[in-house]
Amino acid sequence: MEASSGERWKPTASSSTALGWKTNVATTAGSSACRGLPDDVTFLVRWSATADQLSNAFWAACHGGQVRAAEFLLNHEAPLNWLPGGGRLTPHDAAARSAATDMITWLDGHDARTANDLRGG
């Protein structure tokens, strides 16, 4: 479902139907963002996502190396440097942990910070 370089990330197929929406929309959307399933992420944004759901989906997109999904979520107010409660990894750290080099480059271009940066280290 990845678009060629330079194309905007947008829904292309009914991945929501294929996955089957369950009661935990945040988990499903985060998983979808991690795998780059645009319909599910768009569904999350358009149907009153909470700040935590957007944050989790953005973090998951970064961890999964899904630049277009992350860009879409960031454009819809997902926080760039969110640190999950009890977590030790920002989206930048998550991308680094999964060796998502394109994502790291994209995050660096947006001045994303690591957890160490946020702690002043």
Protein backbone atom coordinates (compact mmCIF):
# COMPACT_ATOMS: atom_id res chain seq x y z
CA MET A 1 0.00 0.00 0.00
CA GLU A 2 2.98 2.28 -0.06
CA ALA A 3 2.77 5.09 -2.59
CA SER A 4 5.72 5.96 -4.76
CA SER A 5 8.12 8.62 -3.53
CA GLY A 6 6.60 12.07 -3.46
CA GLU A 7 2.96 10.92 -3.36
CA ARG A 8 0.80 11.94 -0.43
CA TRP A 9 -0.28 9.14 1.87
CA LYS A 10 -4.01 8.52 1.59
CA PRO A 11 -6.54 5.73 1.91
CA THR A 12 -6.44 3.28 -0.97
CA ALA A 13 -8.34 0.15 0.05
CA SER A 14 -10.76 -0.98 2.71
CA SER A 15 -8.23 -2.27 5.18
CA SER A 16 -10.64 -1.57 8.07
CA THR A 17 -12.94 -4.25 6.74
CA ALA A 18 -10.08 -6.67 6.22
CA LEU A 19 -8.85 -6.19 9.80
CA GLY A 20 -12.27 -6.01 11.43
CA TRP A 21 -12.65 -3.15 13.89
CA LYS A 22 -12.75 -4.35 17.45
CA THR A 23 -13.63 -2.54 20.64
CA ASN A 24 -10.07 -1.33 21.21
CA VAL A 25 -9.81 1.20 18.41
CA ALA A 26 -6.58 2.69 19.75
CA THR A 27 -4.75 -0.63 19.60
CA THR A 28 -6.13 -1.45 16.15
CA ALA A 29 -5.27 2.00 14.79
CA GLY A 30 -1.80 1.89 16.33
CA SER A 31 -1.20 -1.50 14.79
CA SER A 32 -2.55 -0.23 11.47
CA ALA A 33 -0.30 2.84 11.59
CA CYS A 34 2.68 0.61 12.31
CA ARG A 35 1.86 -1.46 9.22
CA GLY A 36 0.90 1.52 7.04
CA LEU A 37 -2.81 0.73 6.58
CA PRO A 38 -4.22 4.12 5.57
CA ASP A 39 -7.97 3.46 5.87
CA ASP A 40 -7.71 2.54 9.53
CA VAL A 41 -5.58 5.56 10.39
CA THR A 42 -7.91 7.87 8.48
CA PHE A 43 -10.87 6.33 10.32
CA LEU A 44 -9.18 7.08 13.63
CA VAL A 45 -8.58 10.72 12.75
CA ARG A 46 -11.98 11.40 11.23
CA TRP A 47 -14.04 9.77 13.97
CA SER A 48 -13.01 11.77 17.02
CA ALA A 49 -9.75 10.21 18.03
CA THR A 50 -8.59 11.08 21.50
CA ALA A 51 -5.20 12.67 22.04
CA ASP A 52 -3.93 9.34 23.44
CA GLN A 53 -5.16 7.43 20.37
CA LEU A 54 -3.41 9.87 18.00
CA SER A 55 -0.25 9.74 20.12
CA ASN A 56 -0.22 5.94 20.19
CA ALA A 57 -0.88 5.68 16.45
CA PHE A 58 1.90 8.20 15.67
CA TRP A 59 4.35 6.35 17.94
CA ALA A 60 3.43 3.06 16.26
CA ALA A 61 3.83 4.53 12.78
CA CYS A 62 7.31 5.75 13.71
CA HIS A 63 8.23 2.39 15.22
CA GLY A 64 6.98 0.67 12.06
CA GLY A 65 8.86 3.04 9.75
CA GLN A 66 5.65 4.30 8.12
CA VAL A 67 6.64 7.85 7.12
CA ARG A 68 3.42 8.67 5.25
CA ALA A 69 1.24 7.48 8.13
CA ALA A 70 3.34 9.48 10.61
CA GLU A 71 3.12 12.58 8.41
CA PHE A 72 -0.65 12.23 8.15
CA LEU A 73 -1.00 11.86 11.92
CA LEU A 74 1.39 14.73 12.66
CA ASN A 75 -0.68 16.93 10.34
CA HIS A 76 -3.69 15.98 12.48
CA GLU A 77 -2.11 17.11 15.75
CA ALA A 78 -0.31 14.00 16.93
CA PRO A 79 2.50 15.15 19.25
CA LEU A 80 5.98 14.86 17.75
CA ASN A 81 7.88 14.14 20.96
CA TRP A 82 5.31 12.15 22.93
CA LEU A 83 6.68 9.90 25.64
CA PRO A 84 4.17 7.18 26.59
CA GLY A 85 3.24 6.94 30.25
CA GLY A 86 5.81 4.71 31.85
CA GLY A 87 7.59 4.46 28.52
CA ARG A 88 11.17 5.25 27.82
CA LEU A 89 11.00 5.79 24.07
CA THR A 90 9.83 8.79 22.10
CA PRO A 91 8.70 8.22 18.50
CA HIS A 92 12.29 9.03 17.44
CA ASP A 93 13.67 6.42 19.84
CA ALA A 94 11.14 3.88 18.58
CA ALA A 95 12.19 4.48 14.98
CA ALA A 96 15.85 4.09 15.96
CA ARG A 97 15.12 0.87 17.86
CA SER A 98 13.56 -0.62 14.74
CA ALA A 99 16.33 0.73 12.47
CA ALA A 100 13.80 2.68 10.38
CA THR A 101 16.35 4.97 8.74
CA ASP A 102 13.89 6.80 6.45
CA MET A 103 11.71 7.50 9.47
CA ILE A 104 14.66 8.74 11.51
CA THR A 105 15.63 11.10 8.70
CA TRP A 106 12.05 12.37 8.45
CA LEU A 107 11.81 12.85 12.23
CA ASP A 108 15.17 14.66 12.29
CA GLY A 109 13.79 17.01 9.63
CA HIS A 110 10.96 17.87 12.02
CA ASP A 111 13.35 18.41 14.95
CA ALA A 112 12.05 15.37 16.82
CA ARG A 113 13.77 14.62 20.10
CA THR A 114 14.91 11.46 21.83
CA ALA A 115 13.92 10.69 25.42
CA ASN A 116 17.48 11.55 26.43
CA ASP A 117 17.12 14.97 24.74
CA LEU A 118 13.87 15.62 26.61
CA ARG A 119 15.51 14.76 29.91
CA GLY A 120 18.31 17.23 29.15
CA GLY A 121 20.94 14.54 28.58
